[in-house]
PDB file of N, CA and C in Angstrom:
ATOM      1  N   MET A   1      85.508  84.841 107.971  1.00  0.00           N
ATOM      2  CA  MET A   1      85.512  85.891 108.190  1.00  0.00           C
ATOM      3  C   MET A   1      87.137  86.385 108.744  1.00  0.00           C
ATOM      4  N   LYS A   2      87.810  84.820 109.270  1.00  0.00           N
ATOM      5  CA  LYS A   2      89.014  84.957 110.005  1.00  0.00           C
ATOM      6  C   LYS A   2      89.778  85.082 108.927  1.00  0.00           C
ATOM      7  N   LYS A   3      90.456  84.528 108.050  1.00  0.00           N
ATOM      8  CA  LYS A   3      91.022  84.604 107.315  1.00  0.00           C
ATOM      9  C   LYS A   3      91.436  85.944 106.544  1.00  0.00           C
ATOM     10  N   TYR A   4      89.835  86.626 106.128  1.00  0.00           N
ATOM     11  CA  TYR A   4      90.042  88.173 105.819  1.00  0.00           C
ATOM     12  C   TYR A   4      90.428  89.294 106.875  1.00  0.00           C
ATOM     13  N   LYS A   5      90.502  88.735 108.075  1.00  0.00           N
ATOM     14  CA  LYS A   5      91.213  89.480 109.186  1.00  0.00           C
ATOM     15  C   LYS A   5      92.694  89.247 109.409  1.00  0.00           C
ATOM     16  N   ILE A   6      92.701  87.797 109.112  1.00  0.00           N
ATOM     17  CA  ILE A   6      94.685  87.841 109.108  1.00  0.00           C
ATOM     18  C   ILE A   6      94.991  88.302 108.034  1.00  0.00           C
ATOM     19  N   ALA A   7      94.499  88.207 107.243  1.00  0.00           N
ATOM     20  CA  ALA A   7      94.542  88.861 105.398  1.00  0.00           C
ATOM     21  C   ALA A   7      94.743  90.582 106.042  1.00  0.00           C
ATOM     22  N   ALA A   8      94.124  91.049 106.341  1.00  0.00           N
ATOM     23  CA  ALA A   8      93.770  92.468 106.355  1.00  0.00           C
ATOM     24  C   ALA A   8      95.205  92.866 107.756  1.00  0.00           C
ATOM     25  N   ILE A   9      95.088  92.180 108.917  1.00  0.00           N
ATOM     26  CA  ILE A   9      96.613  92.678 109.457  1.00  0.00           C
ATOM     27  C   ILE A   9      97.626  92.159 108.663  1.00  0.00           C
ATOM     28  N   LEU A  10      98.305  91.599 107.695  1.00  0.00           N
ATOM     29  CA  LEU A  10      99.186  90.945 107.074  1.00  0.00           C
ATOM     30  C   LEU A  10      99.262  92.548 106.133  1.00  0.00           C
ATOM     31  N   MET A  11      98.265  93.000 105.216  1.00  0.00           N
ATOM     32  CA  MET A  11      98.474  94.273 104.784  1.00  0.00           C
ATOM     33  C   MET A  11      98.198  95.288 105.639  1.00  0.00           C
ATOM     34  N   ILE A  12      98.117  95.372 106.887  1.00  0.00           N
ATOM     35  CA  ILE A  12      98.368  96.629 107.664  1.00  0.00           C
ATOM     36  C   ILE A  12      99.784  96.628 108.079  1.00  0.00           C
ATOM     37  N   ILE A  13     100.566  95.674 107.998  1.00  0.00           N
ATOM     38  CA  ILE A  13     101.633  95.723 108.061  1.00  0.00           C
ATOM     39  C   ILE A  13     102.185  95.944 106.979  1.00  0.00           C
ATOM     40  N   HIS A  14     102.033  95.686 106.045  1.00  0.00           N
ATOM     41  CA  HIS A  14     103.032  95.352 104.686  1.00  0.00           C
ATOM     42  C   HIS A  14     102.817  97.044 104.673  1.00  0.00           C
ATOM     43  N   GLY A  15     101.712  97.289 104.092  1.00  0.00           N
ATOM     44  CA  GLY A  15     100.966  98.914 104.386  1.00  0.00           C
ATOM     45  C   GLY A  15     102.041 100.068 105.215  1.00  0.00           C
ATOM     46  N   GLY A  16     101.727  99.872 106.298  1.00  0.00           N
ATOM     47  CA  GLY A  16     102.017 100.810 106.917  1.00  0.00           C
ATOM     48  C   GLY A  16     103.144 100.573 107.663  1.00  0.00           C
ATOM     49  N   PHE A  17     104.122  99.337 107.640  1.00  0.00           N
ATOM     50  CA  PHE A  17     105.166  99.644 108.022  1.00  0.00           C
ATOM     51  C   PHE A  17     106.579  99.600 107.270  1.00  0.00           C
ATOM     52  N   MET A  18     105.993  98.546 105.994  1.00  0.00           N
ATOM     53  CA  MET A  18     106.998  98.618 104.892  1.00  0.00           C
ATOM     54  C   MET A  18     107.120  99.697 103.553  1.00  0.00           C
ATOM     55  N   GLU A  19     106.345  99.778 103.847  1.00  0.00           N
ATOM     56  CA  GLU A  19     105.529 101.041 102.585  1.00  0.00           C
ATOM     57  C   GLU A  19     105.599 102.603 103.132  1.00  0.00           C
ATOM     58  N   ILE A  20     104.938 102.720 103.843  1.00  0.00           N
ATOM     59  CA  ILE A  20     105.008 104.211 104.398  1.00  0.00           C
ATOM     60  C   ILE A  20     105.564 104.587 105.612  1.00  0.00           C
ATOM     61  N   LEU A  21     106.528 103.714 105.912  1.00  0.00           N
ATOM     62  CA  LEU A  21     107.412 104.067 107.284  1.00  0.00           C
ATOM     63  C   LEU A  21     109.099 104.512 106.386  1.00  0.00           C
ATOM     64  N   CYS A  22     109.056 103.414 105.847  1.00  0.00           N
ATOM     65  CA  CYS A  22     110.260 103.313 105.107  1.00  0.00           C
ATOM     66  C   CYS A  22     110.387 104.236 104.152  1.00  0.00           C
ATOM     67  N   SER A  23     109.561 104.254 103.318  1.00  0.00           N
ATOM     68  CA  SER A  23     109.408 105.666 102.541  1.00  0.00           C
ATOM     69  C   SER A  23     110.001 106.732 103.466  1.00  0.00           C
ATOM     70  N   LEU A  24     108.948 107.243 104.268  1.00  0.00           N
ATOM     71  CA  LEU A  24     109.197 108.776 105.062  1.00  0.00           C
ATOM     72  C   LEU A  24     110.376 108.534 105.881  1.00  0.00           C
ATOM     73  N   MET A  25     111.334 107.215 106.040  1.00  0.00           N
ATOM     74  CA  MET A  25     112.554 107.192 106.700  1.00  0.00           C
ATOM     75  C   MET A  25     113.638 107.841 105.837  1.00  0.00           C
ATOM     76  N   MET A  26     113.224 107.229 104.495  1.00  0.00           N
ATOM     77  CA  MET A  26     114.348 107.932 103.277  1.00  0.00           C
ATOM     78  C   MET A  26     114.216 109.029 103.341  1.00  0.00           C
ATOM     79  N   ILE A  27     113.443 110.086 103.602  1.00  0.00           N
ATOM     80  CA  ILE A  27     113.647 111.216 103.294  1.00  0.00           C
ATOM     81  C   ILE A  27     114.796 111.645 103.747  1.00  0.00           C
ATOM     82  N   PRO A  28     114.519 111.889 105.250  1.00  0.00           N
ATOM     83  CA  PRO A  28     115.148 112.927 105.516  1.00  0.00           C
ATOM     84  C   PRO A  28     116.936 112.448 105.486  1.00  0.00           C
ATOM     85  N   ALA A  29     117.019 111.331 104.765  1.00  0.00           N
ATOM     86  CA  ALA A  29     118.586 110.817 104.494  1.00  0.00           C
ATOM     87  C   ALA A  29     118.881 111.097 103.281  1.00  0.00           C
ATOM     88  N   MET A  30     117.653 111.111 102.334  1.00  0.00           N
ATOM     89  CA  MET A  30     117.802 112.228 101.022  1.00  0.00           C
ATOM     90  C   MET A  30     117.681 113.579 101.063  1.00  0.00           C
ATOM     91  N   LEU A  31     117.684 114.034 101.912  1.00  0.00           N
ATOM     92  CA  LEU A  31     117.321 115.687 102.384  1.00  0.00           C
ATOM     93  C   LEU A  31     118.824 115.956 103.067  1.00  0.00           C
ATOM     94  N   SER A  32     119.563 115.258 103.778  1.00  0.00           N
ATOM     95  CA  SER A  32     120.768 115.020 103.776  1.00  0.00           C
ATOM     96  C   SER A  32     122.009 114.789 103.335  1.00  0.00           C
ATOM     97  N   GLY A  33     121.618 114.853 101.707  1.00  0.00           N
ATOM     98  CA  GLY A  33     122.633 114.508 101.274  1.00  0.00           C
ATOM     99  C   GLY A  33     123.113 113.122 100.795  1.00  0.00           C
ATOM    100  N   ALA A  34     122.602 111.933 101.796  1.00  0.00           N
ATOM    101  CA  ALA A  34     123.309 110.921 101.456  1.00  0.00           C
ATOM    102  C   ALA A  34     123.039 110.259  99.524  1.00  0.00           C
ATOM    103  N   GLY A  35     123.973 109.738  99.308  1.00  0.00           N
ATOM    104  CA  GLY A  35     124.003 109.454  97.480  1.00  0.00           C
ATOM    105  C   GLY A  35     123.025 107.947  97.762  1.00  0.00           C
ATOM    106  N   GLU A  36     122.144 108.039  96.810  1.00  0.00           N
ATOM    107  CA  GLU A  36     121.876 106.654  96.497  1.00  0.00           C
ATOM    108  C   GLU A  36     122.487 105.267  96.915  1.00  0.00           C
ATOM    109  N   SER A  37     124.023 104.976  96.400  1.00  0.00           N
ATOM    110  CA  SER A  37     124.432 103.956  97.102  1.00  0.00           C
ATOM    111  C   SER A  37     124.569 103.600  98.503  1.00  0.00           C
ATOM    112  N   SER A  38     123.767 104.361  99.290  1.00  0.00           N
ATOM    113  CA  SER A  38     123.752 104.088 100.677  1.00  0.00           C
ATOM    114  C   SER A  38     122.192 103.836 101.054  1.00  0.00           C
ATOM    115  N   PHE A  39     121.201 103.226  99.645  1.00  0.00           N
ATOM    116  CA  PHE A  39     120.595 103.101  99.742  1.00  0.00           C
ATOM    117  C   PHE A  39     119.747 101.370  99.123  1.00  0.00           C
ATOM    118  N   VAL A  40     119.332 100.628  99.909  1.00  0.00           N
ATOM    119  CA  VAL A  40     118.899  99.640  99.417  1.00  0.00           C
ATOM    120  C   VAL A  40     118.821  99.132  97.678  1.00  0.00           C
ATOM    121  N   GLY A  41     119.695  98.550  96.963  1.00  0.00           N
ATOM    122  CA  GLY A  41     119.511  98.787  95.307  1.00  0.00           C
ATOM    123  C   GLY A  41     118.365  98.095  94.643  1.00  0.00           C
ATOM    124  N   PHE A  42     117.972  98.996  93.566  1.00  0.00           N
ATOM    125  CA  PHE A  42     116.591  98.215  93.038  1.00  0.00           C
ATOM    126  C   PHE A  42     117.146  97.878  91.778  1.00  0.00           C
ATOM    127  N   ASN A  43     116.541  96.333  91.189  1.00  0.00           N
ATOM    128  CA  ASN A  43     116.887  95.963  90.272  1.00  0.00           C
ATOM    129  C   ASN A  43     116.923  96.875  88.854  1.00  0.00           C
ATOM    130  N   LEU A  44     116.555  97.880  88.741  1.00  0.00           N
ATOM    131  CA  LEU A  44     116.615  98.405  87.618  1.00  0.00           C
ATOM    132  C   LEU A  44     117.237 100.496  87.734  1.00  0.00           C
ATOM    133  N   GLU A  45     117.995 100.381  86.777  1.00  0.00           N
ATOM    134  CA  GLU A  45     118.406 101.818  86.875  1.00  0.00           C
ATOM    135  C   GLU A  45     117.571 103.182  87.135  1.00  0.00           C
ATOM    136  N   TYR A  46     116.637 102.885  86.316  1.00  0.00           N
ATOM    137  CA  TYR A  46     115.597 103.866  86.675  1.00  0.00           C
ATOM    138  C   TYR A  46     115.133 103.657  87.773  1.00  0.00           C
ATOM    139  N   PHE A  47     114.851 103.228  88.901  1.00  0.00           N
ATOM    140  CA  PHE A  47     114.198 103.073  90.318  1.00  0.00           C
ATOM    141  C   PHE A  47     115.254 103.753  90.887  1.00  0.00           C
ATOM    142  N   ARG A  48     116.804 103.609  90.639  1.00  0.00           N
ATOM    143  CA  ARG A  48     117.837 103.965  91.327  1.00  0.00           C
ATOM    144  C   ARG A  48     117.864 105.751  91.336  1.00  0.00           C
ATOM    145  N   GLU A  49     117.611 105.984  89.834  1.00  0.00           N
ATOM    146  CA  GLU A  49     117.545 107.180  89.237  1.00  0.00           C
ATOM    147  C   GLU A  49     116.658 108.375  89.882  1.00  0.00           C
ATOM    148  N   ASN A  50     115.796 107.610  90.089  1.00  0.00           N
ATOM    149  CA  ASN A  50     114.221 108.552  90.606  1.00  0.00           C
ATOM    150  C   ASN A  50     113.700 108.152  91.922  1.00  0.00           C
ATOM    151  N   LEU A  51     114.323 107.700  92.899  1.00  0.00           N
ATOM    152  CA  LEU A  51     114.223 107.210  94.164  1.00  0.00           C
ATOM    153  C   LEU A  51     113.115 107.985  94.922  1.00  0.00           C
ATOM    154  N   ASN A  52     113.256 109.353  94.792  1.00  0.00           N
ATOM    155  CA  ASN A  52     112.377 110.362  95.260  1.00  0.00           C
ATOM    156  C   ASN A  52     110.867 110.154  94.608  1.00  0.00           C
ATOM    157  N   LEU A  53     110.672 109.678  93.608  1.00  0.00           N
ATOM    158  CA  LEU A  53     109.274 109.121  92.944  1.00  0.00           C
ATOM    159  C   LEU A  53     108.970 107.553  93.200  1.00  0.00           C
ATOM    160  N   MET A  54     110.185 107.237  93.547  1.00  0.00           N
ATOM    161  CA  MET A  54     109.638 105.572  94.583  1.00  0.00           C
ATOM    162  C   MET A  54     109.275 106.114  95.844  1.00  0.00           C
ATOM    163  N   ILE A  55     110.104 107.027  96.293  1.00  0.00           N
ATOM    164  CA  ILE A  55     109.102 106.964  97.632  1.00  0.00           C
ATOM    165  C   ILE A  55     107.857 107.702  97.561  1.00  0.00           C
ATOM    166  N   VAL A  56     107.273 108.440  96.708  1.00  0.00           N
ATOM    167  CA  VAL A  56     105.933 108.582  96.732  1.00  0.00           C
ATOM    168  C   VAL A  56     104.424 107.440  96.069  1.00  0.00           C
ATOM    169  N   ALA A  57     105.257 106.398  95.063  1.00  0.00           N
ATOM    170  CA  ALA A  57     104.839 105.718  94.898  1.00  0.00           C
ATOM    171  C   ALA A  57     104.823 104.592  95.980  1.00  0.00           C
ATOM    172  N   GLY A  58     105.424 104.594  97.033  1.00  0.00           N
ATOM    173  CA  GLY A  58     105.392 103.711  97.912  1.00  0.00           C
ATOM    174  C   GLY A  58     104.492 104.592  99.324  1.00  0.00           C
ATOM    175  N   VAL A  59     104.541 105.507  99.307  1.00  0.00           N
ATOM    176  CA  VAL A  59     103.467 106.031  99.814  1.00  0.00           C
ATOM    177  C   VAL A  59     102.179 105.947  99.451  1.00  0.00           C
ATOM    178  N   ILE A  60     101.881 106.090  98.335  1.00  0.00           N
ATOM    179  CA  ILE A  60     100.212 105.592  97.928  1.00  0.00           C
ATOM    180  C   ILE A  60     100.016 104.196  97.760  1.00  0.00           C
ATOM    181  N   PHE A  61     101.238 103.227  97.364  1.00  0.00           N
ATOM    182  CA  PHE A  61     101.118 101.826  97.964  1.00  0.00           C
ATOM    183  C   PHE A  61     100.868 101.220  99.167  1.00  0.00           C
ATOM    184  N   GLY A  62     100.935 102.294  99.986  1.00  0.00           N
ATOM    185  CA  GLY A  62     101.117 101.591 101.696  1.00  0.00           C
ATOM    186  C   GLY A  62      99.252 102.517 101.915  1.00  0.00           C
ATOM    187  N   VAL A  63      99.237 103.356 101.551  1.00  0.00           N
ATOM    188  CA  VAL A  63      97.835 104.034 101.832  1.00  0.00           C
ATOM    189  C   VAL A  63      96.365 103.263 101.063  1.00  0.00           C
ATOM    190  N   LEU A  64      96.569 103.008 100.384  1.00  0.00           N
ATOM    191  CA  LEU A  64      95.926 102.338  99.377  1.00  0.00           C
ATOM    192  C   LEU A  64      95.723 100.896  99.898  1.00  0.00           C
ATOM    193  N   ARG A  65      97.098 100.450 100.618  1.00  0.00           N
ATOM    194  CA  ARG A  65      96.915  98.957 100.969  1.00  0.00           C
ATOM    195  C   ARG A  65      96.318  99.023 102.192  1.00  0.00           C
ATOM    196  N   VAL A  66      96.445 100.182 103.295  1.00  0.00           N
ATOM    197  CA  VAL A  66      95.659  99.997 104.528  1.00  0.00           C
ATOM    198  C   VAL A  66      94.429 100.667 104.713  1.00  0.00           C
ATOM    199  N   ILE A  67      93.715 101.298 102.880  1.00  0.00           N
ATOM    200  CA  ILE A  67      92.567 101.516 103.191  1.00  0.00           C
ATOM    201  C   ILE A  67      91.710 100.304 102.687  1.00  0.00           C
ATOM    202  N   GLY A  68      92.681  99.208 102.204  1.00  0.00           N
ATOM    203  CA  GLY A  68      91.706  98.076 101.592  1.00  0.00           C
ATOM    204  C   GLY A  68      91.499  97.164 102.872  1.00  0.00           C
ATOM    205  N   ALA A  69      92.814  97.002 103.641  1.00  0.00           N
ATOM    206  CA  ALA A  69      92.870  96.116 105.139  1.00  0.00           C
ATOM    207  C   ALA A  69      91.675  96.719 106.266  1.00  0.00           C
ATOM    208  N   VAL A  70      91.328  98.253 106.111  1.00  0.00           N
ATOM    209  CA  VAL A  70      90.119  98.234 106.692  1.00  0.00           C
ATOM    210  C   VAL A  70      89.023  98.055 106.284  1.00  0.00           C
ATOM    211  N   GLY A  71      88.717  98.098 104.825  1.00  0.00           N
ATOM    212  CA  GLY A  71      87.703  98.328 104.173  1.00  0.00           C
ATOM    213  C   GLY A  71      87.183  96.443 104.645  1.00  0.00           C
ATOM    214  N   LEU A  72      88.738  95.272 104.373  1.00  0.00           N
ATOM    215  CA  LEU A  72      88.499  94.400 104.549  1.00  0.00           C
ATOM    216  C   LEU A  72      87.770  94.053 105.970  1.00  0.00           C
ATOM    217  N   LEU A  73      88.146  94.653 106.953  1.00  0.00           N
ATOM    218  CA  LEU A  73      88.063  94.032 108.331  1.00  0.00           C
ATOM    219  C   LEU A  73      86.915  94.983 109.191  1.00  0.00           C
ATOM    220  N   LYS A  74      86.247  95.610 107.852  1.00  0.00           N
ATOM    221  CA  LYS A  74      84.533  95.940 108.035  1.00  0.00           C
ATOM    222  C   LYS A  74      83.616  95.372 107.331  1.00  0.00           C
ATOM    223  N   ASN A  75      84.142  94.432 106.298  1.00  0.00           N
ATOM    224  CA  ASN A  75      83.633  93.136 105.387  1.00  0.00           C
ATOM    225  C   ASN A  75      83.149  93.797 104.416  1.00  0.00           C
ATOM    226  N   ARG A  76      84.096  94.831 103.693  1.00  0.00           N
ATOM    227  CA  ARG A  76      83.139  95.635 102.402  1.00  0.00           C
ATOM    228  C   ARG A  76      83.487  95.099 101.080  1.00  0.00           C
ATOM    229  N   MET A  77      82.588  94.747 100.631  1.00  0.00           N
ATOM    230  CA  MET A  77      83.338  94.187  98.878  1.00  0.00           C
ATOM    231  C   MET A  77      83.850  95.187  98.552  1.00  0.00           C
ATOM    232  N   TRP A  78      83.787  96.900  98.448  1.00  0.00           N
ATOM    233  CA  TRP A  78      84.993  97.309  98.159  1.00  0.00           C
ATOM    234  C   TRP A  78      86.688  96.995  98.999  1.00  0.00           C
ATOM    235  N   GLY A  79      86.520  97.060 100.101  1.00  0.00           N
ATOM    236  CA  GLY A  79      87.876  96.347 100.700  1.00  0.00           C
ATOM    237  C   GLY A  79      88.420  95.484  99.797  1.00  0.00           C
ATOM    238  N   LEU A  80      87.365  94.453  99.638  1.00  0.00           N
ATOM    239  CA  LEU A  80      88.303  92.545  99.177  1.00  0.00           C
ATOM    240  C   LEU A  80      88.914  93.294  97.967  1.00  0.00           C
ATOM    241  N   ALA A  81      87.578  94.098  97.091  1.00  0.00           N
ATOM    242  CA  ALA A  81      88.262  94.017  95.334  1.00  0.00           C
ATOM    243  C   ALA A  81      89.754  95.313  95.334  1.00  0.00           C
ATOM    244  N   LEU A  82      89.675  95.784  96.667  1.00  0.00           N
ATOM    245  CA  LEU A  82      90.808  97.037  96.830  1.00  0.00           C
ATOM    246  C   LEU A  82      92.291  96.408  97.046  1.00  0.00           C
ATOM    247  N   SER A  83      91.697  95.032  98.054  1.00  0.00           N
ATOM    248  CA  SER A  83      93.303  94.535  98.308  1.00  0.00           C
ATOM    249  C   SER A  83      93.265  93.391  97.116  1.00  0.00           C
ATOM    250  N   VAL A  84      92.558  92.799  96.764  1.00  0.00           N
ATOM    251  CA  VAL A  84      93.346  91.904  95.418  1.00  0.00           C
ATOM    252  C   VAL A  84      93.436  92.649  94.707  1.00  0.00           C
ATOM    253  N   ILE A  85      92.969  93.731  93.973  1.00  0.00           N
ATOM    254  CA  ILE A  85      93.794  94.417  93.347  1.00  0.00           C
ATOM    255  C   ILE A  85      95.303  95.163  93.553  1.00  0.00           C
ATOM    256  N   ILE A  86      95.347  95.821  94.508  1.00  0.00           N
ATOM    257  CA  ILE A  86      97.028  96.152  95.308  1.00  0.00           C
ATOM    258  C   ILE A  86      97.715  94.673  95.964  1.00  0.00           C
ATOM    259  N   SER A  87      97.149  93.971  95.864  1.00  0.00           N
ATOM    260  CA  SER A  87      98.009  92.741  96.079  1.00  0.00           C
ATOM    261  C   SER A  87      98.374  92.166  94.866  1.00  0.00           C
ATOM    262  N   SER A  88      97.764  92.115  93.467  1.00  0.00           N
ATOM    263  CA  SER A  88      98.013  91.491  92.740  1.00  0.00           C
ATOM    264  C   SER A  88      99.141  92.523  91.986  1.00  0.00           C
ATOM    265  N   ILE A  89      99.150  93.510  92.088  1.00  0.00           N
ATOM    266  CA  ILE A  89      99.952  94.902  90.861  1.00  0.00           C
ATOM    267  C   ILE A  89     101.268  94.702  92.008  1.00  0.00           C
ATOM    268  N   THR A  90     100.907  93.960  93.668  1.00  0.00           N
ATOM    269  CA  THR A  90     102.601  94.152  94.027  1.00  0.00           C
ATOM    270  C   THR A  90     103.027  92.676  93.197  1.00  0.00           C
ATOM    271  N   LEU A  91     102.209  91.955  93.206  1.00  0.00           N
ATOM    272  CA  LEU A  91     102.683  90.626  92.764  1.00  0.00           C
ATOM    273  C   LEU A  91     103.813  90.699  91.775  1.00  0.00           C
ATOM    274  N   ALA A  92     102.476  91.627  90.648  1.00  0.00           N
ATOM    275  CA  ALA A  92     103.767  91.579  89.293  1.00  0.00           C
ATOM    276  C   ALA A  92     104.869  92.455  89.695  1.00  0.00           C
ATOM    277  N   LEU A  93     104.728  93.636  90.040  1.00  0.00           N
ATOM    278  CA  LEU A  93     106.276  94.795  90.324  1.00  0.00           C
ATOM    279  C   LEU A  93     106.998  94.132  91.479  1.00  0.00           C
ATOM    280  N   MET A  94     106.823  93.203  92.122  1.00  0.00           N
ATOM    281  CA  MET A  94     107.553  92.477  93.096  1.00  0.00           C
ATOM    282  C   MET A  94     109.141  92.445  92.710  1.00  0.00           C
ATOM    283  N   MET A  95     109.430  91.957  91.246  1.00  0.00           N
ATOM    284  CA  MET A  95     110.834  91.499  90.281  1.00  0.00           C
ATOM    285  C   MET A  95     111.025  92.939  90.083  1.00  0.00           C
ATOM    286  N   PHE A  96     110.671  93.704  89.749  1.00  0.00           N
ATOM    287  CA  PHE A  96     111.345  95.064  89.386  1.00  0.00           C
ATOM    288  C   PHE A  96     112.559  95.889  90.888  1.00  0.00           C
ATOM    289  N   LEU A  97     111.777  94.882  92.057  1.00  0.00           N
ATOM    290  CA  LEU A  97     112.110  95.958  93.166  1.00  0.00           C
ATOM    291  C   LEU A  97     112.777  95.127  94.113  1.00  0.00           C
ATOM    292  N   LEU A  98     113.782  94.354  93.833  1.00  0.00           N
ATOM    293  CA  LEU A  98     114.611  93.033  94.780  1.00  0.00           C
ATOM    294  C   LEU A  98     115.324  93.816  95.214  1.00  0.00           C
ATOM    295  N   PRO A  99     116.307  93.583  96.151  1.00  0.00           N
ATOM    296  CA  PRO A  99     116.185  93.016  97.109  1.00  0.00           C
ATOM    297  C   PRO A  99     114.825  92.730  97.867  1.00  0.00           C
ATOM    298  N   ALA A 100     114.101  93.770  98.234  1.00  0.00           N
ATOM    299  CA  ALA A 100     112.354  94.605  98.883  1.00  0.00           C
ATOM    300  C   ALA A 100     111.639  94.096  98.496  1.00  0.00           C
ATOM    301  N   GLY A 101     111.453  93.009  96.943  1.00  0.00           N
ATOM    302  CA  GLY A 101     110.466  92.898  96.170  1.00  0.00           C
ATOM    303  C   GLY A 101     109.850  91.193  97.037  1.00  0.00           C
ATOM    304  N   ILE A 102     111.041  90.599  97.701  1.00  0.00           N
ATOM    305  CA  ILE A 102     110.817  89.454  98.040  1.00  0.00           C
ATOM    306  C   ILE A 102     109.973  89.426  99.259  1.00  0.00           C
ATOM    307  N   VAL A 103     110.075  89.938 100.124  1.00  0.00           N
ATOM    308  CA  VAL A 103     109.318  90.302 101.285  1.00  0.00           C
ATOM    309  C   VAL A 103     108.029  90.906 100.595  1.00  0.00           C
ATOM    310  N   ASP A 104     107.707  92.289  99.774  1.00  0.00           N
ATOM    311  CA  ASP A 104     106.808  92.518  99.219  1.00  0.00           C
ATOM    312  C   ASP A 104     105.608  91.019  98.804  1.00  0.00           C
ATOM    313  N   GLY A 105     106.379  90.131  98.441  1.00  0.00           N
ATOM    314  CA  GLY A 105     105.977  89.100  97.585  1.00  0.00           C
ATOM    315  C   GLY A 105     105.292  88.003  98.465  1.00  0.00           C
ATOM    316  N   ILE A 106     106.093  88.364  99.379  1.00  0.00           N
ATOM    317  CA  ILE A 106     105.520  86.639 100.605  1.00  0.00           C
ATOM    318  C   ILE A 106     104.061  87.822 101.395  1.00  0.00           C
ATOM    319  N   LEU A 107     104.649  88.912 101.786  1.00  0.00           N
ATOM    320  CA  LEU A 107     103.182  89.350 102.379  1.00  0.00           C
ATOM    321  C   LEU A 107     102.108  89.689 101.501  1.00  0.00           C
ATOM    322  N   ALA A 108     102.044  90.173  99.827  1.00  0.00           N
ATOM    323  CA  ALA A 108     101.336  90.365  99.619  1.00  0.00           C
ATOM    324  C   ALA A 108     100.297  88.993  98.743  1.00  0.00           C
ATOM    325  N   GLY A 109     101.129  87.952  98.689  1.00  0.00           N
ATOM    326  CA  GLY A 109     100.938  86.313  98.466  1.00  0.00           C
ATOM    327  C   GLY A 109     100.349  86.443  99.459  1.00  0.00           C
ATOM    328  N   GLY A 110     100.835  85.860 100.573  1.00  0.00           N
ATOM    329  CA  GLY A 110     100.092  85.651 100.917  1.00  0.00           C
ATOM    330  C   GLY A 110      98.347  86.237 102.224  1.00  0.00           C
ATOM    331  N   ALA A 111      98.586  87.106 101.654  1.00  0.00           N
ATOM    332  CA  ALA A 111      97.452  88.356 102.215  1.00  0.00           C
ATOM    333  C   ALA A 111      96.543  87.703 100.505  1.00  0.00           C
ATOM    334  N   LEU A 112      96.732  87.700  99.972  1.00  0.00           N
ATOM    335  CA  LEU A 112      95.907  87.228  98.812  1.00  0.00           C
ATOM    336  C   LEU A 112      95.298  85.802  98.503  1.00  0.00           C
ATOM    337  N   VAL A 113      96.274  84.790  99.004  1.00  0.00           N
ATOM    338  CA  VAL A 113      96.000  83.514  99.346  1.00  0.00           C
ATOM    339  C   VAL A 113      94.797  83.539 100.359  1.00  0.00           C
ATOM    340  N   LEU A 114      94.625  84.364 101.181  1.00  0.00           N
ATOM    341  CA  LEU A 114      94.117  84.213 102.252  1.00  0.00           C
ATOM    342  C   LEU A 114      92.491  84.840 101.766  1.00  0.00           C
ATOM    343  N   MET A 115      92.680  85.609 101.006  1.00  0.00           N
ATOM    344  CA  MET A 115      91.662  86.242 100.919  1.00  0.00           C
ATOM    345  C   MET A 115      90.720  85.329  99.801  1.00  0.00           C
ATOM    346  N   LEU A 116      91.712  85.086  99.008  1.00  0.00           N
ATOM    347  CA  LEU A 116      90.675  84.563  97.948  1.00  0.00           C
ATOM    348  C   LEU A 116      90.143  82.932  99.012  1.00  0.00           C
ATOM    349  N   MET A 117      90.829  82.390  99.621  1.00  0.00           N
ATOM    350  CA  MET A 117      90.478  81.132 100.489  1.00  0.00           C
ATOM    351  C   MET A 117      89.410  81.295 100.950  1.00  0.00           C
ATOM    352  N   GLN A 118      88.885  82.217 101.377  1.00  0.00           N
ATOM    353  CA  GLN A 118      87.461  82.577 102.489  1.00  0.00           C
ATOM    354  C   GLN A 118      86.616  83.122 101.971  1.00  0.00           C
ATOM    355  N   TYR A 119      86.942  83.910 100.460  1.00  0.00           N
ATOM    356  CA  TYR A 119      86.187  84.220  99.540  1.00  0.00           C
ATOM    357  C   TYR A 119      85.298  83.374  98.790  1.00  0.00           C
ATOM    358  N   PHE A 120      86.172  82.170  98.189  1.00  0.00           N
ATOM    359  CA  PHE A 120      85.910  81.228  97.813  1.00  0.00           C
ATOM    360  C   PHE A 120      85.609  79.674  98.378  1.00  0.00           C
ATOM    361  N   GLY A 121      86.110  79.664  99.678  1.00  0.00           N
ATOM    362  CA  GLY A 121      85.571  78.668 100.427  1.00  0.00           C
ATOM    363  C   GLY A 121      85.982  77.770 100.302  1.00  0.00           C
ATOM    364  N   ASN A 122      84.905  76.122  99.600  1.00  0.00           N
ATOM    365  CA  ASN A 122      85.195  74.982  99.962  1.00  0.00           C
ATOM    366  C   ASN A 122      84.475  74.753  98.267  1.00  0.00           C
ATOM    367  N   SER A 123      84.326  75.824  97.676  1.00  0.00           N
ATOM    368  CA  SER A 123      83.404  75.615  96.307  1.00  0.00           C
ATOM    369  C   SER A 123      84.758  74.980  95.791  1.00  0.00           C
ATOM    370  N   SER A 124      84.010  73.754  94.825  1.00  0.00           N
ATOM    371  CA  SER A 124      84.948  73.135  93.783  1.00  0.00           C
ATOM    372  C   SER A 124      85.389  73.622  92.229  1.00  0.00           C
ATOM    373  N   ALA A 125      86.575  73.620  91.736  1.00  0.00           N
ATOM    374  CA  ALA A 125      86.730  74.115  90.929  1.00  0.00           C
ATOM    375  C   ALA A 125      85.634  74.018  89.257  1.00  0.00           C
ATOM    376  N   SER A 126      85.419  72.488  89.458  1.00  0.00           N
ATOM    377  CA  SER A 126      84.793  71.671  88.778  1.00  0.00           C
ATOM    378  C   SER A 126      83.079  71.544  88.905  1.00  0.00           C
ATOM    379  N   LYS A 127      82.625  71.928  87.825  1.00  0.00           N
ATOM    380  CA  LYS A 127      80.715  71.870  88.472  1.00  0.00           C
ATOM    381  C   LYS A 127      80.238  71.141  87.324  1.00  0.00           C
TER     382      LYS A 127
END
């Protein structure tokens, strides 16, 4: 259970601070007329051109990550499943969101490893 708790804390930090707060902090900057050059560059031109959609996607990812973490803290199987799914998706998409994707990968990958270590415990791969 201890590894689930650490993974949940990582996910709350990741979802709450990185995704939700960072996305919400970009809204006033966009409304004030700041150009896309003032934001952290993304690897793909499509993401730079659709920054408002990136904000919405970041908030959705952050909310799902926090919901999964709460389920994990309550020791619910749906929380584990949601957390594993959202962390796996984050690892798959992190390459497209460089340089911020590096921190995404560290936090999501760390949480995923902890969840898998707790779930599978000392089970061996061969039977």
